[in-house]
N, C-alpha and C. Protein backbone atom coordinates (compact mmCIF):
# COMPACT_ATOMS: atom_id res chain seq x y z
N MET A 1 0.70 -1.12 0.44
CA MET A 1 -0.12 0.18 0.14
C MET A 1 0.72 1.46 0.04
N THR A 2 1.96 1.14 0.94
CA THR A 2 2.74 2.68 1.05
C THR A 2 3.39 2.79 -0.03
N ILE A 3 3.96 1.57 -0.39
CA ILE A 3 4.99 1.95 -2.03
C ILE A 3 4.31 1.62 -3.09
N ALA A 4 2.82 2.05 -3.04
CA ALA A 4 2.30 2.05 -4.19
C ALA A 4 1.94 3.43 -4.14
N LYS A 5 1.74 4.18 -3.14
CA LYS A 5 1.60 5.53 -3.11
C LYS A 5 2.67 6.62 -3.34
N TYR A 6 3.87 5.89 -2.80
CA TYR A 6 4.69 6.20 -3.03
C TYR A 6 5.04 6.53 -4.79
N THR A 7 5.13 5.20 -5.00
CA THR A 7 5.41 5.42 -6.32
C THR A 7 4.42 6.06 -7.49
N LYS A 8 3.23 6.23 -7.16
CA LYS A 8 2.16 7.19 -7.51
C LYS A 8 2.69 8.90 -7.21
N ASP A 9 2.97 9.34 -6.36
CA ASP A 9 3.04 10.51 -5.63
C ASP A 9 4.85 10.78 -6.44
N ALA A 10 5.42 10.02 -6.89
CA ALA A 10 6.37 10.41 -7.64
C ALA A 10 6.73 10.06 -9.03
N TYR A 11 5.46 9.49 -9.57
CA TYR A 11 5.70 9.42 -10.74
C TYR A 11 6.18 8.50 -11.50
N LEU A 12 6.69 7.54 -10.46
CA LEU A 12 7.37 6.25 -10.71
C LEU A 12 6.59 4.81 -10.93
N GLU A 13 5.22 5.11 -11.38
CA GLU A 13 4.66 3.83 -11.32
C GLU A 13 4.50 2.62 -12.16
N PRO A 14 5.37 3.31 -13.66
CA PRO A 14 5.66 2.14 -14.43
C PRO A 14 7.11 1.37 -14.07
N LEU A 15 7.68 1.73 -12.88
CA LEU A 15 8.77 1.18 -12.69
C LEU A 15 8.63 -0.44 -12.01
N LEU A 16 7.30 -0.36 -11.43
CA LEU A 16 6.87 -1.77 -10.49
C LEU A 16 5.87 -2.30 -11.41
N LEU A 17 5.64 -3.58 -11.77
CA LEU A 17 4.53 -4.21 -12.16
C LEU A 17 3.54 -4.96 -11.04
N ARG A 18 2.57 -4.19 -10.97
CA ARG A 18 1.13 -4.69 -10.13
C ARG A 18 0.92 -5.74 -10.37
N LEU A 19 0.91 -6.93 -9.55
CA LEU A 19 0.26 -7.93 -9.96
C LEU A 19 -1.33 -8.25 -9.08
N PRO A 20 -2.24 -9.13 -9.31
CA PRO A 20 -3.07 -9.06 -8.43
C PRO A 20 -2.94 -10.23 -6.88
N ASP A 21 -3.62 -9.45 -5.58
CA ASP A 21 -3.33 -9.73 -4.36
C ASP A 21 -3.33 -11.73 -4.53
N ALA A 22 -4.08 -12.13 -5.12
CA ALA A 22 -4.68 -13.31 -4.95
C ALA A 22 -3.31 -14.32 -5.72
N MET A 23 -2.35 -13.88 -6.12
CA MET A 23 -1.31 -14.38 -6.50
C MET A 23 -0.19 -14.76 -5.55
N PHE A 24 -0.49 -13.72 -4.53
CA PHE A 24 0.99 -13.75 -3.38
C PHE A 24 0.21 -13.91 -1.97
N ASP A 25 -1.03 -13.22 -1.74
CA ASP A 25 -1.18 -13.40 -0.46
C ASP A 25 -3.10 -13.38 -0.74
N PRO A 26 -3.38 -14.89 -0.93
CA PRO A 26 -4.83 -15.17 -1.78
C PRO A 26 -5.64 -15.01 -0.42
N ALA A 27 -5.36 -15.29 0.72
CA ALA A 27 -6.22 -14.87 1.35
C ALA A 27 -6.76 -13.92 2.37
N TRP A 28 -6.15 -12.91 1.85
CA TRP A 28 -5.83 -11.37 2.91
C TRP A 28 -7.38 -10.80 2.67
N LEU A 29 -7.35 -10.48 0.97
CA LEU A 29 -8.82 -9.88 1.14
C LEU A 29 -10.04 -10.05 1.54
N ALA A 30 -10.33 -11.59 0.85
CA ALA A 30 -11.56 -11.93 1.63
C ALA A 30 -11.58 -11.93 3.14
N GLN A 31 -10.48 -12.51 3.80
CA GLN A 31 -10.36 -12.22 5.03
C GLN A 31 -11.08 -10.80 5.74
N GLU A 32 -10.33 -10.14 5.03
CA GLU A 32 -10.79 -8.37 5.16
C GLU A 32 -12.05 -8.24 4.70
N GLY A 33 -12.82 -8.70 4.22
CA GLY A 33 -14.15 -8.72 3.75
C GLY A 33 -14.17 -8.25 2.07
N TYR A 34 -13.21 -8.16 1.16
CA TYR A 34 -13.01 -7.71 -0.12
C TYR A 34 -13.36 -9.01 -0.91
N GLN A 35 -13.69 -8.83 -2.10
CA GLN A 35 -13.86 -9.67 -3.29
C GLN A 35 -14.45 -11.28 -2.52
N ARG A 36 -15.32 -10.90 -2.18
CA ARG A 36 -16.07 -11.88 -1.79
C ARG A 36 -16.91 -12.85 -2.73
N ASP A 37 -17.24 -12.07 -3.61
CA ASP A 37 -18.36 -12.21 -4.90
C ASP A 37 -17.70 -13.40 -5.39
N ARG A 38 -16.38 -13.07 -5.95
CA ARG A 38 -15.76 -14.47 -6.62
C ARG A 38 -14.29 -14.62 -6.08
N PRO A 39 -14.50 -14.79 -4.67
CA PRO A 39 -13.08 -15.24 -3.99
C PRO A 39 -12.02 -16.50 -4.47
N PRO A 40 -11.03 -16.24 -4.48
CA PRO A 40 -10.06 -17.67 -4.50
C PRO A 40 -10.46 -18.62 -3.93
N PHE A 41 -10.32 -20.04 -4.10
CA PHE A 41 -10.44 -20.91 -3.53
C PHE A 41 -9.06 -21.87 -2.79
N PRO A 42 -9.15 -21.90 -1.60
CA PRO A 42 -10.26 -22.19 -0.75
C PRO A 42 -10.26 -20.67 -0.13
N MET A 43 -11.87 -20.43 0.19
CA MET A 43 -12.21 -19.07 0.97
C MET A 43 -11.90 -19.24 2.15
N PHE A 44 -11.02 -18.53 3.00
CA PHE A 44 -10.82 -17.98 4.19
C PHE A 44 -11.60 -16.53 4.68
N THR A 45 -12.31 -16.73 5.28
CA THR A 45 -13.19 -15.61 6.12
C THR A 45 -12.35 -15.18 7.58
N ASP A 46 -11.26 -15.99 7.82
CA ASP A 46 -9.96 -15.78 8.90
C ASP A 46 -8.68 -16.98 8.67
N PHE A 47 -7.82 -16.40 8.94
CA PHE A 47 -6.89 -17.09 9.00
C PHE A 47 -6.81 -18.41 9.78
N LYS A 48 -7.56 -18.72 10.62
CA LYS A 48 -7.37 -19.77 11.52
C LYS A 48 -8.29 -20.85 10.67
N HIS A 49 -8.67 -20.84 9.82
CA HIS A 49 -9.31 -21.41 8.68
C HIS A 49 -8.17 -22.29 8.38
N PHE A 50 -6.91 -22.05 7.73
CA PHE A 50 -6.05 -22.89 7.54
C PHE A 50 -5.63 -23.90 8.30
N PHE A 51 -5.67 -23.57 9.57
CA PHE A 51 -5.71 -24.88 10.56
C PHE A 51 -6.96 -25.60 11.19
N GLN A 52 -8.02 -24.99 10.99
CA GLN A 52 -9.30 -25.41 11.49
C GLN A 52 -10.08 -24.75 10.71
N PRO A 53 -10.25 -25.50 9.36
CA PRO A 53 -11.49 -25.36 8.33
C PRO A 53 -13.29 -25.27 9.23
N PRO A 54 -13.80 -24.60 8.46
CA PRO A 54 -15.28 -24.55 8.94
C PRO A 54 -15.69 -26.00 8.91
N VAL A 55 -16.64 -26.33 9.67
CA VAL A 55 -17.16 -27.83 9.66
C VAL A 55 -17.43 -27.92 7.79
N ASN A 56 -18.67 -27.16 7.58
CA ASN A 56 -19.05 -27.60 6.18
C ASN A 56 -18.12 -27.51 5.04
N GLU A 57 -16.92 -26.94 5.46
CA GLU A 57 -15.88 -26.97 4.17
C GLU A 57 -15.06 -28.12 4.47
N ALA A 58 -14.75 -28.75 5.90
CA ALA A 58 -13.72 -29.65 6.22
C ALA A 58 -13.25 -30.63 5.31
N ALA A 59 -14.42 -30.97 4.56
CA ALA A 59 -13.62 -32.34 3.72
C ALA A 59 -12.84 -31.47 2.34
N ALA A 60 -13.01 -30.70 1.90
CA ALA A 60 -12.09 -30.24 0.74
C ALA A 60 -10.33 -30.43 0.88
N PRO A 61 -9.72 -30.41 2.15
CA PRO A 61 -8.59 -30.12 1.93
C PRO A 61 -8.34 -31.88 1.45
N GLN A 62 -8.84 -32.55 2.16
CA GLN A 62 -8.49 -34.27 2.16
C GLN A 62 -8.95 -34.69 0.69
N MET A 63 -9.68 -34.09 -0.20
CA MET A 63 -10.45 -34.40 -1.17
C MET A 63 -9.49 -33.82 -2.01
N LEU A 64 -9.10 -32.59 -1.96
CA LEU A 64 -8.43 -31.73 -3.23
C LEU A 64 -6.89 -31.92 -3.09
N GLY A 65 -6.54 -31.98 -2.08
CA GLY A 65 -5.08 -31.73 -1.59
C GLY A 65 -4.21 -30.73 -1.91
N PHE A 66 -3.08 -30.88 -2.46
CA PHE A 66 -1.97 -29.53 -2.26
C PHE A 66 -2.52 -28.86 -3.50
N ASP A 67 -2.96 -29.64 -4.82
CA ASP A 67 -3.49 -28.81 -5.94
C ASP A 67 -4.57 -28.05 -6.03
N GLY A 68 -4.99 -28.25 -5.04
CA GLY A 68 -6.45 -27.59 -4.83
C GLY A 68 -6.43 -26.56 -3.76
N PHE A 69 -5.20 -26.39 -2.97
CA PHE A 69 -4.82 -24.91 -2.21
C PHE A 69 -4.56 -23.74 -3.05
N PHE A 70 -5.33 -22.50 -3.40
CA PHE A 70 -4.76 -21.19 -3.86
C PHE A 70 -4.07 -22.08 -4.94
N LYS A 71 -4.61 -22.41 -6.09
CA LYS A 71 -3.87 -23.12 -7.47
C LYS A 71 -3.70 -21.41 -8.22
N GLY A 72 -2.27 -21.43 -8.78
CA GLY A 72 -1.86 -20.66 -9.42
C GLY A 72 -1.10 -19.44 -8.44
N ALA A 73 -1.49 -19.52 -7.03
CA ALA A 73 -0.26 -18.49 -6.35
C ALA A 73 0.68 -18.96 -6.02
N TYR A 74 1.59 -17.94 -6.13
CA TYR A 74 3.09 -17.94 -6.06
C TYR A 74 3.52 -18.00 -4.42
N SER A 75 2.72 -17.33 -3.73
CA SER A 75 2.88 -17.62 -1.89
C SER A 75 1.68 -17.29 -0.90
N TYR A 76 2.16 -18.12 -0.18
CA TYR A 76 0.45 -18.15 0.84
C TYR A 76 1.31 -17.72 2.49
N HIS A 77 0.89 -16.63 2.80
CA HIS A 77 0.99 -16.77 4.39
C HIS A 77 -0.21 -16.27 5.29
N PHE A 78 0.18 -16.73 6.63
CA PHE A 78 -0.83 -16.62 7.43
C PHE A 78 -0.33 -15.61 8.54
N HIS A 79 -1.18 -14.43 9.65
CA HIS A 79 -0.87 -13.79 10.36
C HIS A 79 -0.64 -14.61 11.73
N ASN A 80 0.11 -14.08 11.99
CA ASN A 80 0.12 -15.10 13.86
C ASN A 80 0.14 -16.61 13.95
N PHE A 81 -0.76 -17.29 14.86
CA PHE A 81 -0.97 -18.86 15.05
C PHE A 81 0.07 -19.33 14.69
N TRP A 82 1.55 -18.50 15.18
CA TRP A 82 2.50 -19.48 15.28
C TRP A 82 2.46 -20.46 16.50
N TRP A 83 1.93 -20.45 17.26
CA TRP A 83 1.74 -21.63 18.41
C TRP A 83 1.14 -22.71 18.15
N VAL A 84 0.16 -22.73 16.74
CA VAL A 84 -0.69 -23.73 16.50
C VAL A 84 0.50 -24.69 15.82
N PRO A 85 0.23 -25.94 15.96
CA PRO A 85 0.77 -27.02 15.05
C PRO A 85 0.08 -27.14 14.06
N PHE A 86 0.98 -27.18 12.95
CA PHE A 86 0.54 -27.72 11.53
C PHE A 86 0.04 -29.13 11.35
N ASP A 87 0.02 -29.61 12.13
CA ASP A 87 -0.31 -31.13 11.95
C ASP A 87 -0.44 -31.74 13.44
N PRO A 88 -1.45 -31.63 13.93
CA PRO A 88 -1.92 -31.75 15.64
C PRO A 88 -1.41 -33.20 16.05
N ALA A 89 -1.93 -34.33 15.10
CA ALA A 89 -1.54 -35.47 15.67
C ALA A 89 -0.48 -35.85 15.14
N ARG A 90 0.67 -35.08 14.45
CA ARG A 90 1.70 -35.53 13.57
C ARG A 90 2.90 -34.20 13.75
N ASN A 91 2.96 -33.85 14.87
CA ASN A 91 3.70 -32.50 15.31
C ASN A 91 5.18 -32.39 15.13
N PHE A 92 5.47 -32.94 14.22
CA PHE A 92 7.27 -33.70 14.09
C PHE A 92 7.15 -33.56 12.50
N PRO A 93 8.55 -33.55 11.94
CA PRO A 93 8.91 -34.28 10.53
C PRO A 93 8.90 -35.60 10.23
N ASP A 94 8.47 -35.83 9.11
CA ASP A 94 8.23 -37.28 9.21
C ASP A 94 8.92 -37.57 7.30
N LEU A 95 10.32 -37.39 7.47
CA LEU A 95 10.94 -37.32 5.98
C LEU A 95 11.51 -38.68 5.74
N GLY A 96 11.21 -39.21 6.22
CA GLY A 96 11.87 -40.92 5.45
C GLY A 96 12.84 -41.26 6.35
N PRO A 97 13.16 -42.82 5.77
CA PRO A 97 14.50 -43.51 6.53
C PRO A 97 15.83 -42.99 6.75
N ARG A 98 16.05 -41.78 5.81
CA ARG A 98 17.28 -41.19 5.97
C ARG A 98 17.20 -40.36 6.66
N PHE A 99 16.27 -39.57 7.50
CA PHE A 99 16.52 -38.99 8.54
C PHE A 99 15.98 -38.91 9.91
N LYS A 100 15.14 -40.60 9.69
CA LYS A 100 14.56 -40.70 10.88
C LYS A 100 14.88 -41.10 12.35
N ASP A 101 15.66 -41.95 12.18
CA ASP A 101 16.62 -42.31 13.64
C ASP A 101 16.95 -40.86 14.25
N GLY A 102 17.33 -39.60 13.50
CA GLY A 102 17.81 -38.34 14.16
C GLY A 102 16.37 -37.82 14.61
N GLU A 103 15.20 -38.08 13.86
CA GLU A 103 14.21 -37.17 14.10
C GLU A 103 13.56 -37.95 15.40
N ILE A 104 13.28 -39.10 15.62
CA ILE A 104 13.25 -40.15 16.69
C ILE A 104 13.60 -39.79 17.51
N LYS A 105 15.03 -39.62 18.00
CA LYS A 105 16.02 -39.21 18.80
C LYS A 105 15.26 -37.73 19.49
N ALA A 106 14.98 -37.28 18.72
CA ALA A 106 14.95 -35.38 18.91
C ALA A 106 13.58 -35.62 19.64
N ARG A 107 12.60 -36.56 19.43
CA ARG A 107 11.26 -36.31 19.96
C ARG A 107 11.39 -37.00 21.25
N MET A 108 11.85 -38.18 21.29
CA MET A 108 12.56 -38.65 22.56
C MET A 108 13.18 -37.60 23.36
N LYS A 109 13.79 -37.13 23.01
CA LYS A 109 14.69 -35.90 24.09
C LYS A 109 13.45 -34.75 24.41
N LEU A 110 12.66 -34.27 23.33
CA LEU A 110 11.42 -33.39 23.66
C LEU A 110 10.66 -33.79 24.98
N LYS A 111 10.10 -35.02 24.53
CA LYS A 111 9.15 -35.46 25.28
C LYS A 111 9.57 -35.66 26.78
N ALA A 112 10.81 -36.24 27.15
CA ALA A 112 11.63 -36.18 28.45
C ALA A 112 11.95 -34.93 28.99
N ASP A 113 12.17 -34.13 27.74
CA ASP A 113 12.27 -32.69 29.01
C ASP A 113 10.76 -32.26 29.10
N ALA A 114 9.83 -31.96 28.32
CA ALA A 114 8.46 -31.72 28.92
C ALA A 114 8.30 -32.40 30.19
N ALA A 115 8.45 -33.69 30.33
CA ALA A 115 8.38 -34.26 31.53
C ALA A 115 9.14 -33.54 32.45
N ALA A 116 10.43 -33.30 32.57
CA ALA A 116 11.11 -32.84 33.27
C ALA A 116 10.69 -31.40 33.91
N GLU A 117 10.11 -30.39 32.94
CA GLU A 117 9.45 -29.55 33.23
C GLU A 117 8.02 -29.68 34.09
N ALA A 118 7.36 -30.47 33.53
CA ALA A 118 6.22 -30.83 34.39
C ALA A 118 6.55 -31.29 35.66
N ALA A 119 7.45 -31.65 35.84
CA ALA A 119 7.84 -32.08 37.46
C ALA A 119 8.32 -31.16 38.16
N ARG A 120 9.37 -30.50 37.39
CA ARG A 120 9.79 -28.75 38.27
C ARG A 120 8.33 -28.25 38.50
N ALA A 121 7.46 -27.89 37.69
CA ALA A 121 6.29 -27.55 38.11
C ALA A 121 5.66 -27.83 39.22
N THR A 122 5.61 -29.08 39.17
CA THR A 122 4.81 -29.61 40.18
C THR A 122 5.52 -29.38 41.89
N LYS A 123 6.88 -29.42 41.49
CA LYS A 123 7.94 -29.22 42.77
C LYS A 123 7.27 -28.05 43.34
N ALA A 124 7.45 -26.70 42.31
CA ALA A 124 7.47 -25.51 42.38
C ALA A 124 6.05 -25.04 43.11
N ALA A 125 4.96 -26.01 42.40
CA ALA A 125 3.73 -25.66 42.88
C ALA A 125 3.38 -26.10 44.41
N ALA A 126 4.05 -27.44 44.78
CA ALA A 126 4.10 -27.86 45.99
C ALA A 126 4.78 -27.15 47.52
N ALA A 127 5.79 -26.35 46.43
CA ALA A 127 6.55 -25.57 47.59
C ALA A 127 5.63 -24.45 47.86
N GLY A 128 4.58 -24.36 47.36
CA GLY A 128 3.48 -23.02 47.91
C GLY A 128 4.00 -21.60 47.02
N GLY A 129 4.71 -21.80 46.37
CA GLY A 129 5.17 -20.42 45.06
C GLY A 129 6.24 -19.90 45.65
N ARG A 130 7.20 -20.61 46.75
CA ARG A 130 8.07 -19.82 47.37
C ARG A 130 9.43 -19.87 46.02
N LYS A 131 9.93 -19.02 46.02
CA LYS A 131 11.16 -18.73 45.01
C LYS A 131 12.14 -18.27 45.28
N GLY A 132 13.54 -18.29 44.89
CA GLY A 132 14.62 -17.73 44.96
C GLY A 132 15.33 -18.88 45.42
N ALA A 133 16.97 -18.39 45.48
CA ALA A 133 18.04 -19.36 45.50
C ALA A 133 18.17 -19.72 46.66
N GLN A 134 17.06 -19.22 48.06
CA GLN A 134 17.46 -19.91 49.50
C GLN A 134 16.62 -20.92 49.47
N ASP A 135 15.45 -21.14 48.65
CA ASP A 135 14.24 -21.71 48.62
C ASP A 135 15.18 -23.71 48.68
N PRO A 136 14.90 -24.07 49.92
CA PRO A 136 15.71 -25.35 49.27
C PRO A 136 15.15 -26.52 48.31
N VAL A 137 13.25 -26.09 48.48
CA VAL A 137 12.82 -27.19 47.78
C VAL A 137 12.76 -26.72 46.12
N ALA A 138 12.68 -25.83 46.16
CA ALA A 138 12.97 -25.26 44.83
C ALA A 138 14.26 -25.57 43.79
N ASP A 139 15.50 -25.44 44.79
CA ASP A 139 16.81 -25.57 44.21
C ASP A 139 16.64 -27.36 43.92
N GLU A 140 16.16 -28.05 44.91
CA GLU A 140 16.13 -29.75 44.80
C GLU A 140 15.45 -29.97 43.67
N ALA A 141 14.31 -29.04 43.06
CA ALA A 141 13.54 -29.71 41.91
C ALA A 141 14.14 -28.80 40.57
N HIS A 142 15.02 -28.03 41.00
CA HIS A 142 15.85 -27.31 39.39
C HIS A 142 16.91 -28.53 39.39
N ARG A 143 17.11 -28.80 40.54
CA ARG A 143 18.60 -30.29 40.49
C ARG A 143 17.91 -31.52 39.72
N LYS A 144 16.54 -31.68 40.00
CA LYS A 144 16.22 -32.80 39.71
C LYS A 144 15.89 -32.68 38.45
N GLN A 145 15.40 -31.63 37.64
CA GLN A 145 15.24 -31.12 36.42
C GLN A 145 16.45 -31.48 35.50
N ALA A 146 17.46 -30.65 35.84
CA ALA A 146 18.61 -30.90 35.32
C ALA A 146 18.99 -32.42 35.19
N ALA A 147 18.78 -32.89 35.96
CA ALA A 147 19.33 -34.54 36.18
C ALA A 147 18.25 -35.29 34.95
N LEU A 148 17.03 -35.02 34.88
CA LEU A 148 16.47 -35.76 33.91
C LEU A 148 16.84 -35.36 32.99
N ARG A 149 17.16 -33.99 32.27
CA ARG A 149 17.23 -33.50 30.92
C ARG A 149 18.57 -34.18 30.27
N ALA A 150 19.37 -34.50 31.37
CA ALA A 150 20.74 -35.38 31.15
C ALA A 150 20.31 -36.29 31.03
N LYS A 151 19.65 -37.11 31.65
CA LYS A 151 19.28 -38.21 31.53
C LYS A 151 18.51 -38.58 29.97
N ALA A 152 17.49 -37.43 29.63
CA ALA A 152 16.93 -37.86 28.73
C ALA A 152 18.03 -37.63 27.55
N THR A 153 18.91 -36.55 27.65
CA THR A 153 19.96 -36.36 26.53
C THR A 153 20.52 -37.71 26.34
N LYS A 154 21.09 -38.56 27.14
CA LYS A 154 21.73 -39.69 27.23
C LYS A 154 21.21 -40.92 26.27
N VAL A 155 19.51 -41.02 27.00
CA VAL A 155 18.58 -41.94 26.22
C VAL A 155 18.96 -41.96 24.90
N SER A 156 18.56 -40.13 24.50
CA SER A 156 17.92 -40.31 22.99
C SER A 156 19.32 -40.73 22.04
N LEU A 157 20.68 -40.56 22.79
CA LEU A 157 21.93 -40.55 21.82
C LEU A 157 22.65 -42.12 21.68
N GLU A 158 21.39 -42.76 23.04
CA GLU A 158 22.20 -44.05 22.99
C GLU A 158 21.11 -45.00 22.61
N ALA A 159 19.76 -44.71 22.50
CA ALA A 159 18.95 -45.65 22.01
C ALA A 159 19.43 -46.67 20.98
N THR A 160 18.75 -47.88 20.78
CA THR A 160 19.06 -48.84 20.23
C THR A 160 17.88 -48.39 19.07
N SER A 161 17.94 -49.40 17.94
CA SER A 161 17.05 -49.68 17.12
C SER A 161 15.56 -50.18 17.54
N GLU A 162 15.64 -50.93 18.56
CA GLU A 162 14.55 -51.29 19.00
C GLU A 162 13.84 -50.49 19.61
N ASP A 163 14.81 -49.53 20.64
CA ASP A 163 14.23 -48.64 21.72
C ASP A 163 13.20 -47.38 20.76
N LEU A 164 13.92 -46.88 19.48
CA LEU A 164 13.30 -46.33 18.39
C LEU A 164 12.30 -46.87 17.98
N LYS A 165 12.04 -47.96 17.31
CA LYS A 165 11.07 -48.55 17.37
C LYS A 165 10.05 -48.75 18.20
N GLU A 166 10.28 -49.00 19.20
CA GLU A 166 8.90 -49.13 20.54
C GLU A 166 8.72 -47.48 20.72
N PHE A 167 9.58 -46.86 20.97
CA PHE A 167 8.92 -45.24 20.93
C PHE A 167 8.34 -44.88 19.97
N GLU A 168 8.69 -45.00 18.50
CA GLU A 168 7.83 -44.75 17.66
C GLU A 168 6.07 -45.47 17.68
N ARG A 169 6.22 -46.19 18.15
CA ARG A 169 5.03 -47.21 17.99
C ARG A 169 4.10 -46.42 19.58
N GLU A 170 4.80 -46.16 20.27
CA GLU A 170 3.86 -45.55 21.37
C GLU A 170 3.81 -43.83 21.18
N ASP A 171 4.50 -43.42 20.10
CA ASP A 171 4.17 -41.90 20.11
C ASP A 171 3.35 -41.60 19.10
N GLN A 172 3.14 -42.97 18.33
CA GLN A 172 1.95 -42.73 17.02
C GLN A 172 0.67 -43.10 17.15
N ASP A 173 -0.53 -42.56 17.10
CA ASP A 173 -1.76 -42.87 17.47
C ASP A 173 -2.67 -42.54 16.51
N VAL A 174 -2.71 -43.44 15.71
CA VAL A 174 -3.76 -43.05 14.12
C VAL A 174 -5.15 -42.28 14.59
N SER A 175 -5.81 -42.55 16.10
CA SER A 175 -7.12 -42.68 16.62
C SER A 175 -7.17 -40.80 16.99
N MET A 176 -5.69 -40.58 16.75
CA MET A 176 -5.48 -38.69 17.12
C MET A 176 -5.88 -37.86 16.10
N ASP A 177 -5.92 -38.75 15.13
CA ASP A 177 -5.75 -38.24 13.48
C ASP A 177 -7.51 -37.41 13.61
N SER A 178 -7.56 -36.21 12.75
CA SER A 178 -8.90 -36.17 12.80
C SER A 178 -9.64 -36.59 11.34
N ARG A 179 -10.94 -36.56 11.25
CA ARG A 179 -11.41 -37.31 10.42
C ARG A 179 -11.45 -36.43 9.17
N ASP A 180 -11.13 -35.19 9.00
CA ASP A 180 -10.83 -34.35 8.04
C ASP A 180 -9.73 -33.40 8.38
N LEU A 181 -8.71 -34.22 7.61
CA LEU A 181 -7.43 -32.76 7.79
C LEU A 181 -7.51 -31.81 7.75
N ALA A 182 -6.76 -30.84 8.18
CA ALA A 182 -6.62 -29.15 7.97
C ALA A 182 -5.96 -28.99 6.47
N TRP A 183 -6.53 -27.83 6.39
CA TRP A 183 -5.37 -27.57 5.04
C TRP A 183 -3.78 -27.76 5.57
N SER A 184 -3.63 -27.44 6.46
CA SER A 184 -2.15 -27.16 6.90
C SER A 184 -1.56 -28.54 6.96
N ALA A 185 -2.00 -29.38 7.90
CA ALA A 185 -2.05 -31.00 7.69
C ALA A 185 -1.54 -31.42 6.42
N VAL A 186 -2.59 -30.99 5.08
CA VAL A 186 -2.48 -31.81 4.07
C VAL A 186 -0.96 -31.35 3.50
N LEU A 187 -0.92 -29.91 3.78
CA LEU A 187 0.80 -29.20 3.00
C LEU A 187 1.69 -29.97 3.48
N LYS A 188 1.39 -30.02 4.83
CA LYS A 188 2.97 -30.46 5.62
C LYS A 188 3.04 -31.94 4.95
N ARG A 189 2.06 -32.83 5.06
CA ARG A 189 1.91 -33.93 4.79
C ARG A 189 2.49 -34.36 3.08
N SER A 190 1.90 -33.39 2.33
CA SER A 190 2.39 -33.63 0.74
C SER A 190 3.86 -32.60 0.84
N PHE A 191 4.32 -32.24 1.49
CA PHE A 191 5.63 -31.84 1.24
C PHE A 191 6.58 -32.54 1.84
N GLU A 192 6.21 -33.39 3.07
CA GLU A 192 7.25 -34.66 3.47
C GLU A 192 7.25 -35.66 2.73
N ALA A 193 5.93 -35.95 1.76
CA ALA A 193 6.00 -37.61 0.98
C ALA A 193 7.17 -36.28 -0.52
N TYR A 194 7.12 -35.48 -0.29
CA TYR A 194 8.11 -35.28 -1.95
C TYR A 194 9.43 -35.28 -1.04
N ILE A 195 9.47 -34.57 0.01
CA ILE A 195 10.99 -34.95 0.67
C ILE A 195 11.52 -36.39 0.55
N ARG A 196 10.35 -37.12 0.78
CA ARG A 196 10.62 -38.91 0.61
C ARG A 196 10.69 -39.32 -0.92
N GLY A 197 10.20 -38.52 -1.38
CA GLY A 197 10.51 -39.49 -2.93
C GLY A 197 9.46 -39.94 -3.11
N GLU A 198 8.22 -39.86 -2.54
CA GLU A 198 6.87 -40.65 -3.06
C GLU A 198 5.83 -39.93 -4.08
N ARG A 199 6.17 -38.99 -3.95
CA ARG A 199 5.27 -37.72 -4.86
C ARG A 199 5.90 -36.82 -5.72
N PRO A 200 5.68 -36.29 -6.41
CA PRO A 200 6.42 -35.22 -7.24
C PRO A 200 5.95 -33.86 -6.77
N ASN A 201 6.85 -32.81 -6.75
CA ASN A 201 6.59 -31.54 -6.34
C ASN A 201 5.38 -30.74 -7.14
N MET A 202 5.00 -29.55 -6.79
CA MET A 202 4.30 -28.67 -8.02
C MET A 202 4.82 -28.75 -9.15
N TYR A 203 5.77 -29.05 -9.99
CA TYR A 203 6.10 -28.75 -11.09
C TYR A 203 6.54 -30.34 -11.88
N GLY A 204 6.14 -31.05 -10.88
CA GLY A 204 5.98 -32.53 -11.54
C GLY A 204 7.79 -32.89 -11.24
N GLU A 205 8.41 -32.44 -10.73
CA GLU A 205 9.99 -33.29 -10.20
C GLU A 205 10.09 -33.73 -9.12
N TRP A 206 10.82 -34.86 -9.28
CA TRP A 206 10.69 -35.83 -8.70
C TRP A 206 12.24 -35.67 -8.03
N LEU A 207 12.04 -36.25 -6.32
CA LEU A 207 13.52 -35.64 -5.60
C LEU A 207 13.70 -37.39 -5.42
N LYS A 208 15.26 -37.51 -5.83
CA LYS A 208 15.69 -38.57 -5.94
C LYS A 208 16.57 -38.54 -5.01
N TRP A 209 17.17 -39.56 -3.90
CA TRP A 209 18.09 -39.44 -2.88
C TRP A 209 19.27 -40.33 -3.50
N GLN A 210 20.40 -40.08 -3.78
CA GLN A 210 21.54 -40.68 -3.98
C GLN A 210 22.39 -41.37 -2.73
């Protein structure tokens, strides 16, 4: 907006080629209440619909896939929602056997860190909210948290192939999947499939690992 006004005031408009908003920020105008008579598809009236489509439109992402998501647009971006996982049931990269062991070890460490943090919070609550270096209960909680984190790091680094398989079985539960996947989950899984070499990208190119 600002740069368009500047080039107009400076009589420099021919320097810039202005293209339709739908090619670069397809959800913006509809989300702001504009161009709703013939909007690009999918029509997002709120940026959260990328992560949580309305119930009456929830079947579209899985039916149409990546090819049906703002076809022809060069880019898409959403505002905020940085705290929302793209794929709640599989909130981790799934890039195939080439990267699998490292991914599982990282997930093991994250889970152990979360358990350590929960233990620290429980100890802090039990201490009645007392804080400070002079609080022996809080100090002990911090020591235990550090010990658990160190143990988690050791476990994730020294895990055997059987440990990794067992963790993966426990960490993946298809019952957590939504019946209708959101656009965010469909796009994430499509990109992962491309990295794994299971499908071509949007230009028809296949990724082949040597």
